[in-house]
Amino acid sequence: MSSKLHDPAKLLVVLSILFALTLGGAPPSSESEISGDTEMHASAAVATAGSSIMNNGMGPIPLDVRLYTLLPNPQEEAPFTIQVERLLPLPSVPEEAIQAFRAEQAEKKPTVVTHVVKSGETAWDIAKAYGVDVDTIVGCNDLVDIDRLKVGQELKILTIKGVLHTVRQGESLWEIARDYKVDVDTIVQANNLTDPGRLQPKQELVIPGAKPRVIAGQQRRPLVANGRLQKAFEWPVHGPISSRFGRRWGRMHEGLDIAVNTGTPVKAAAAGKVTFAGWNGAYGYLVKIDHGNGVETRYAHNSRLLVKAGDKVTAGQVIARSGNTGRSTGPHVHFEIRLNGRAYNPLDYLR
């Protein structure tokens, strides 16, 4: 935006106006003070302000005014051109007023609303209405089948694309960020976390831009189909494999050893019920989980147990801290998958 000034007197008027605004004074109220092109652009300095406050009875003063720069214009008839550069806060405006204004204009934090499913609505209809995607709805709700919503069913809807994560026992912010492949600072800012190192179990966190770790169509995927195990188990920990399933040292090694540091969170490979949590000889501190249909998983050599017999757990829930207990040659997690008592190679069924 620019304007040519053909009259030095008009130029002086514009400079006076800008100087007055910078000092916090009110703009001229008399139309006789400015005219022509000068009037149009001097008024623009006031009209483009985003907000205003009262200043001791002198009239409204904009919180922001445009900064004008006078540029030489030798090729034209006018000696100068006015160029708009940026917005500057007026120093005379009280700091609390500026802060209030900025707070109003600040980007709104993501929130969660409740939607009640109406007759004929699909997940795609609902996602479109809220400006999100279906993955966001999946990532905020425990849906057995995304294609079969019930009338009257309540859905949590995140106002941005992302996931609503419920913190599990023993889970850290770093682990959550890693699992969703989202920067830790992004999660901190989205949730106004004052102490990121202290998350509470069952605390809900907004994970902006994340995709649900289990996508629609795979939620509660059966672990057994037609009597056979399926590739539907989550990894209990991530790390290098130190010993595979099979014969070892003249005897059968019935699990998979994953080398991790002592204290690493150990997660349930699938939802189920804890049937044993305690000391068990060579296994050291052991957790057994019954997943139904004859399926059982075992997690051995832990340093600390976070569940007890009878607890119901979800897939990915932290159930223990890894260790080096029992008959063990170093810190690791010994993981087994069994069907009707028989051990199977976990690598064939971990996804």
Protein backbone atom coordinates (compact mmCIF):
# COMPACT_ATOMS: atom_id res chain seq x y z
CA MET A 1 0.00 0.00 0.00
CA SER A 2 1.48 3.40 -0.95
CA SER A 3 0.45 6.94 -1.73
CA LYS A 4 2.13 9.87 -3.42
CA LEU A 5 2.31 13.13 -1.51
CA HIS A 6 2.24 16.15 -3.85
CA ASP A 7 2.17 18.85 -1.20
CA PRO A 8 4.84 19.38 1.50
CA ALA A 9 2.13 20.79 3.77
CA LYS A 10 0.18 17.53 3.55
CA LEU A 11 3.37 15.61 4.25
CA LEU A 12 3.85 17.64 7.42
CA VAL A 13 0.28 16.86 8.51
CA VAL A 14 0.83 13.10 8.03
CA LEU A 15 4.07 13.19 10.01
CA SER A 16 2.30 15.07 12.80
CA ILE A 17 -0.47 12.48 12.91
CA LEU A 18 1.97 9.59 13.06
CA PHE A 19 4.02 11.31 15.76
CA ALA A 20 0.87 11.90 17.82
CA LEU A 21 -0.15 8.25 17.47
CA THR A 22 3.29 7.09 18.57
CA LEU A 23 3.01 9.22 21.70
CA GLY A 24 -0.42 7.78 22.44
CA GLY A 25 -2.45 10.83 21.45
CA ALA A 26 -5.79 10.67 19.71
CA PRO A 27 -6.00 11.07 15.94
CA PRO A 28 -7.25 14.44 14.64
CA SER A 29 -11.01 14.67 14.77
CA SER A 30 -11.40 17.58 12.41
CA GLU A 31 -11.73 16.74 8.75
CA SER A 32 -10.25 20.15 7.92
CA GLU A 33 -6.84 19.05 9.21
CA ILE A 34 -6.32 16.65 6.32
CA SER A 35 -7.65 16.37 2.81
CA GLY A 36 -7.28 14.54 -0.49
CA ASP A 37 -4.83 11.61 -0.68
CA THR A 38 -3.33 12.59 2.66
CA GLU A 39 -6.71 12.26 4.40
CA MET A 40 -7.31 8.83 2.96
CA HIS A 41 -3.99 7.38 4.10
CA ALA A 42 -3.83 9.16 7.46
CA SER A 43 -7.29 7.72 8.24
CA ALA A 44 -6.06 4.29 7.21
CA ALA A 45 -3.55 4.38 10.06
CA VAL A 46 -6.51 4.47 12.46
CA ALA A 47 -9.03 2.37 10.54
CA THR A 48 -6.75 -0.63 10.23
CA ALA A 49 -6.18 -0.92 13.96
CA GLY A 50 -7.44 -4.20 15.39
CA SER A 51 -8.74 -2.91 18.71
CA SER A 52 -8.88 0.22 20.86
CA ILE A 53 -9.18 1.45 24.43
CA MET A 54 -10.17 4.73 26.05
CA ASN A 55 -7.37 7.10 27.07
CA ASN A 56 -8.36 9.59 29.78
CA GLY A 57 -11.33 10.88 27.87
CA MET A 58 -9.30 11.66 24.77
CA GLY A 59 -11.12 9.09 22.69
CA PRO A 60 -10.31 5.60 21.42
CA ILE A 61 -6.66 4.80 20.79
CA PRO A 62 -5.75 1.80 18.69
CA LEU A 63 -3.64 -0.87 20.32
CA ASP A 64 -1.72 -1.23 17.07
CA VAL A 65 -0.97 1.29 14.32
CA ARG A 66 0.80 0.80 11.07
CA LEU A 67 4.40 1.97 10.78
CA TYR A 68 4.89 4.14 7.70
CA THR A 69 8.19 4.72 5.93
CA LEU A 70 8.81 7.73 3.69
CA LEU A 71 10.69 6.70 0.56
CA PRO A 72 12.31 9.08 -1.98
CA ASN A 73 10.50 9.04 -5.31
CA PRO A 74 12.68 11.04 -7.72
CA GLN A 75 11.10 9.67 -10.91
CA GLU A 76 7.67 10.89 -10.01
CA GLU A 77 6.13 14.26 -9.49
CA ALA A 78 5.75 13.65 -5.75
CA PRO A 79 8.90 13.90 -3.60
CA PHE A 80 7.94 11.00 -1.33
CA THR A 81 5.97 7.74 -1.23
CA ILE A 82 4.45 6.31 1.97
CA GLN A 83 5.05 2.59 2.46
CA VAL A 84 3.35 0.46 5.11
CA GLU A 85 5.87 -1.80 6.85
CA ARG A 86 4.38 -3.40 9.96
CA LEU A 87 2.24 -2.97 13.05
CA LEU A 88 3.70 -1.47 16.21
CA PRO A 89 2.14 -1.38 19.70
CA LEU A 90 1.64 2.09 21.11
CA PRO A 91 3.84 2.60 24.17
CA SER A 92 1.15 4.59 26.00
CA VAL A 93 -1.29 1.67 26.11
CA PRO A 94 -1.31 -0.07 29.53
CA GLU A 95 0.52 -3.39 29.48
CA GLU A 96 -2.48 -5.26 30.90
CA ALA A 97 -4.64 -4.03 28.01
CA ILE A 98 -2.09 -5.25 25.48
CA GLN A 99 -1.86 -8.64 27.20
CA ALA A 100 -5.65 -8.98 27.26
CA PHE A 101 -5.84 -8.16 23.58
CA ARG A 102 -3.13 -10.65 22.70
CA ALA A 103 -4.86 -13.33 24.75
CA GLU A 104 -8.08 -12.80 22.81
CA GLN A 105 -6.26 -13.03 19.51
CA ALA A 106 -4.09 -15.99 20.47
CA GLU A 107 -4.68 -19.26 18.71
CA LYS A 108 -7.31 -21.27 20.52
CA LYS A 109 -6.10 -24.43 22.22
CA PRO A 110 -7.59 -27.71 20.99
CA THR A 111 -10.60 -28.85 22.95
CA VAL A 112 -12.79 -31.93 23.15
CA VAL A 113 -16.53 -31.78 22.54
CA THR A 114 -19.19 -34.47 22.79
CA HIS A 115 -21.26 -35.43 19.76
CA VAL A 116 -24.42 -37.53 20.03
CA VAL A 117 -24.90 -39.73 16.98
CA LYS A 118 -28.13 -39.06 15.09
CA SER A 119 -30.08 -41.38 12.83
CA GLY A 120 -28.36 -41.94 9.50
CA GLU A 121 -25.05 -40.35 10.53
CA THR A 122 -21.76 -42.00 9.63
CA ALA A 123 -18.30 -41.39 11.04
CA TRP A 124 -17.41 -39.65 7.77
CA ASP A 125 -20.40 -37.30 8.07
CA ILE A 126 -19.42 -36.39 11.62
CA ALA A 127 -15.75 -35.89 10.74
CA LYS A 128 -16.65 -33.59 7.86
CA ALA A 129 -19.02 -31.56 10.03
CA TYR A 130 -16.25 -30.88 12.56
CA GLY A 131 -13.51 -30.32 10.01
CA VAL A 132 -11.43 -33.31 11.10
CA ASP A 133 -10.79 -36.77 9.67
CA VAL A 134 -12.12 -40.21 10.58
CA ASP A 135 -8.77 -41.14 12.13
CA THR A 136 -9.29 -38.34 14.65
CA ILE A 137 -12.64 -39.83 15.70
CA VAL A 138 -11.07 -43.28 15.96
CA GLY A 139 -8.20 -41.84 17.99
CA CYS A 140 -10.58 -40.35 20.57
CA ASN A 141 -13.05 -43.19 21.02
CA ASP A 142 -13.00 -46.90 21.83
CA LEU A 143 -14.86 -48.01 18.71
CA VAL A 144 -15.40 -51.68 18.05
CA ASP A 145 -16.60 -51.03 14.49
CA ILE A 146 -16.30 -47.59 12.88
CA ASP A 147 -18.98 -48.57 10.34
CA ARG A 148 -21.61 -49.32 12.96
CA LEU A 149 -22.42 -46.29 15.05
CA LYS A 150 -25.51 -46.39 17.23
CA VAL A 151 -28.13 -43.65 17.48
CA GLY A 152 -27.59 -41.84 20.77
CA GLN A 153 -23.99 -43.02 21.04
CA GLU A 154 -21.71 -40.32 22.48
CA LEU A 155 -18.45 -39.62 20.67
CA LYS A 156 -15.56 -37.46 21.81
CA ILE A 157 -14.60 -35.07 19.03
CA LEU A 158 -11.23 -33.33 19.06
CA THR A 159 -11.42 -29.87 17.43
CA ILE A 160 -8.14 -30.44 15.57
CA LYS A 161 -6.79 -33.41 13.65
CA GLY A 162 -5.03 -35.68 16.09
CA VAL A 163 -5.50 -38.20 18.85
CA LEU A 164 -6.80 -38.07 22.41
CA HIS A 165 -4.48 -40.26 24.48
CA THR A 166 -5.24 -41.56 27.97
CA VAL A 167 -2.08 -41.82 30.06
CA ARG A 168 -1.39 -45.29 31.39
CA GLN A 169 0.32 -46.24 34.63
CA GLY A 170 4.07 -45.65 34.37
CA GLU A 171 3.92 -43.94 30.97
CA SER A 172 6.18 -40.94 30.33
CA LEU A 173 5.66 -38.02 27.97
CA TRP A 174 8.77 -39.00 26.02
CA GLU A 175 7.37 -42.49 25.42
CA ILE A 176 4.02 -41.09 24.27
CA ALA A 177 5.70 -38.64 21.90
CA ARG A 178 7.89 -41.41 20.49
CA ASP A 179 4.97 -43.79 19.97
CA TYR A 180 2.93 -41.20 18.07
CA LYS A 181 6.00 -39.71 16.31
CA VAL A 182 5.14 -36.23 17.60
CA ASP A 183 7.53 -33.69 19.13
CA VAL A 184 7.39 -33.47 22.94
CA ASP A 185 7.09 -29.66 22.85
CA THR A 186 4.03 -29.94 20.59
CA ILE A 187 2.24 -32.05 23.21
CA VAL A 188 3.33 -29.76 26.04
CA GLN A 189 1.97 -26.66 24.28
CA ALA A 190 -1.29 -28.28 23.19
CA ASN A 191 -2.08 -29.36 26.75
CA ASN A 192 -0.58 -26.43 28.71
CA LEU A 193 1.53 -28.86 30.73
CA THR A 194 3.28 -27.04 33.55
CA ASP A 195 5.18 -30.14 34.69
CA PRO A 196 5.70 -32.53 31.74
CA GLY A 197 7.62 -34.92 33.97
CA ARG A 198 4.59 -35.67 36.13
CA LEU A 199 1.78 -37.25 34.17
CA GLN A 200 -1.12 -38.83 36.03
CA PRO A 201 -2.70 -42.19 35.12
CA LYS A 202 -5.96 -41.71 33.17
CA GLN A 203 -4.96 -38.12 32.31
CA GLU A 204 -6.13 -37.25 28.79
CA LEU A 205 -3.62 -35.64 26.42
CA VAL A 206 -4.26 -34.08 23.02
CA ILE A 207 -1.68 -35.32 20.49
CA PRO A 208 -1.90 -32.85 17.56
CA GLY A 209 -1.47 -34.29 14.08
CA ALA A 210 -1.05 -37.87 15.32
CA LYS A 211 -2.67 -40.93 13.83
CA PRO A 212 -4.28 -43.56 16.05
CA ARG A 213 -1.79 -46.31 16.82
CA VAL A 214 -4.45 -48.87 15.96
CA ILE A 215 -6.42 -47.82 12.88
CA ALA A 216 -10.07 -48.45 12.10
CA GLY A 217 -10.72 -52.05 11.09
CA GLN A 218 -7.88 -53.30 13.33
CA GLN A 219 -9.27 -52.30 16.69
CA ARG A 220 -9.76 -55.37 18.87
CA ARG A 221 -8.46 -57.49 16.04
CA PRO A 222 -8.85 -61.16 17.02
CA LEU A 223 -5.69 -62.85 18.25
CA VAL A 224 -6.96 -66.21 17.06
CA ALA A 225 -8.86 -67.05 13.86
CA ASN A 226 -9.85 -70.56 12.82
CA GLY A 227 -7.79 -71.92 15.69
CA ARG A 228 -4.61 -70.15 14.59
CA LEU A 229 -2.71 -67.26 16.10
CA GLN A 230 -2.84 -64.01 14.12
CA LYS A 231 -0.24 -61.31 13.54
CA ALA A 232 -2.05 -59.03 15.98
CA PHE A 233 0.24 -58.63 19.01
CA GLU A 234 2.01 -55.40 19.95
CA TRP A 235 5.68 -55.37 20.92
CA PRO A 236 6.11 -55.31 24.71
CA VAL A 237 9.32 -53.25 24.35
CA HIS A 238 11.50 -52.07 21.47
CA GLY A 239 15.15 -53.06 21.37
CA PRO A 240 17.65 -55.44 19.81
CA ILE A 241 16.86 -59.16 19.94
CA SER A 242 19.45 -60.87 22.12
CA SER A 243 18.09 -64.40 21.83
CA ARG A 244 15.51 -65.88 19.45
CA PHE A 245 12.85 -68.54 19.85
CA GLY A 246 14.14 -72.10 19.40
CA ARG A 247 16.74 -74.50 20.71
CA ARG A 248 19.48 -72.89 22.77
CA TRP A 249 22.26 -74.47 24.83
CA GLY A 250 20.74 -77.90 24.32
CA ARG A 251 17.25 -76.96 25.44
CA MET A 252 14.18 -75.18 24.05
CA HIS A 253 14.05 -71.40 24.47
CA GLU A 254 10.31 -70.78 24.39
CA GLY A 255 10.32 -67.01 24.04
CA LEU A 256 11.99 -63.98 22.54
CA ASP A 257 14.64 -62.03 24.47
CA ILE A 258 14.67 -58.28 23.82
CA ALA A 259 17.64 -56.39 25.28
CA VAL A 260 16.66 -53.14 27.05
CA ASN A 261 17.97 -51.18 30.00
CA THR A 262 16.68 -51.97 33.47
CA GLY A 263 13.58 -49.90 34.19
CA THR A 264 12.26 -49.80 30.62
CA PRO A 265 8.42 -49.81 30.55
CA VAL A 266 7.05 -53.24 29.59
CA LYS A 267 3.68 -53.10 27.81
CA ALA A 268 0.91 -55.63 27.38
CA ALA A 269 0.97 -57.12 23.89
CA ALA A 270 -2.84 -57.28 23.82
CA ALA A 271 -5.83 -56.67 26.05
CA GLY A 272 -6.57 -59.27 28.68
CA LYS A 273 -6.63 -60.23 32.35
CA VAL A 274 -3.57 -60.66 34.56
CA THR A 275 -3.51 -64.20 35.96
CA PHE A 276 -0.12 -64.04 37.68
CA ALA A 277 2.21 -61.25 38.85
CA GLY A 278 5.04 -62.22 41.16
CA TRP A 279 8.24 -64.21 41.58
CA ASN A 280 8.53 -67.41 39.55
CA GLY A 281 11.95 -69.08 39.82
CA ALA A 282 14.02 -68.81 36.64
CA TYR A 283 11.55 -66.27 35.22
CA GLY A 284 12.30 -63.87 38.06
CA TYR A 285 9.50 -61.35 38.45
CA LEU A 286 6.91 -62.54 35.96
CA VAL A 287 3.58 -61.32 34.57
CA LYS A 288 1.13 -63.66 32.81
CA ILE A 289 -1.86 -62.31 30.87
CA ASP A 290 -4.83 -64.35 29.68
CA HIS A 291 -6.25 -62.96 26.41
CA GLY A 292 -9.08 -65.44 26.01
CA ASN A 293 -9.51 -68.29 23.54
CA GLY A 294 -6.53 -70.11 25.05
CA VAL A 295 -4.07 -67.28 24.35
CA GLU A 296 -1.53 -66.28 27.00
CA THR A 297 1.51 -63.99 27.01
CA ARG A 298 4.36 -63.93 29.52
CA TYR A 299 6.80 -61.16 30.46
CA ALA A 300 9.82 -62.24 32.54
CA HIS A 301 12.93 -60.95 34.40
CA ASN A 302 11.25 -57.70 35.46
CA SER A 303 12.64 -55.43 38.17
CA ARG A 304 9.25 -54.11 39.21
CA LEU A 305 5.63 -55.19 38.68
CA LEU A 306 2.89 -52.59 38.12
CA VAL A 307 -0.12 -54.92 37.99
CA LYS A 308 -1.52 -57.70 40.14
CA ALA A 309 -3.50 -60.87 39.51
CA GLY A 310 -7.08 -60.06 38.53
CA ASP A 311 -6.28 -56.72 36.88
CA LYS A 312 -7.72 -56.09 33.43
CA VAL A 313 -5.26 -54.46 31.04
CA THR A 314 -5.43 -52.89 27.60
CA ALA A 315 -3.07 -53.35 24.69
CA GLY A 316 -0.05 -51.12 25.20
CA GLN A 317 -0.63 -50.62 28.93
CA VAL A 318 2.56 -50.56 31.01
CA ILE A 319 2.50 -53.62 33.25
CA ALA A 320 6.08 -53.77 34.56
CA ARG A 321 9.59 -52.35 34.46
CA SER A 322 12.24 -54.49 32.80
CA GLY A 323 15.11 -55.93 34.79
CA ASN A 324 17.59 -58.76 35.26
CA THR A 325 15.87 -61.00 37.81
CA GLY A 326 15.74 -64.81 37.87
CA ARG A 327 18.03 -66.80 35.58
CA SER A 328 19.23 -64.00 33.33
CA THR A 329 22.55 -63.06 31.70
CA GLY A 330 21.76 -59.33 31.48
CA PRO A 331 18.90 -56.79 31.46
CA HIS A 332 16.21 -57.85 28.98
CA VAL A 333 12.57 -58.85 28.57
CA HIS A 334 11.78 -62.50 27.95
CA PHE A 335 8.48 -62.54 26.03
CA GLU A 336 6.32 -65.56 25.25
CA ILE A 337 3.14 -66.16 23.27
CA ARG A 338 1.26 -69.37 24.06
CA LEU A 339 -1.86 -70.97 22.61
CA ASN A 340 -3.46 -73.72 24.72
CA GLY A 341 -0.22 -74.02 26.67
CA ARG A 342 2.07 -74.40 23.66
CA ALA A 343 4.74 -71.74 23.04
CA TYR A 344 4.97 -70.15 19.56
CA ASN A 345 7.61 -67.95 17.95
CA PRO A 346 6.59 -64.37 18.86
CA LEU A 347 8.28 -62.96 15.73
CA ASP A 348 5.58 -64.62 13.62
CA TYR A 349 2.78 -62.80 15.44
CA LEU A 350 4.16 -59.39 16.48
CA ARG A 351 3.02 -56.63 14.19
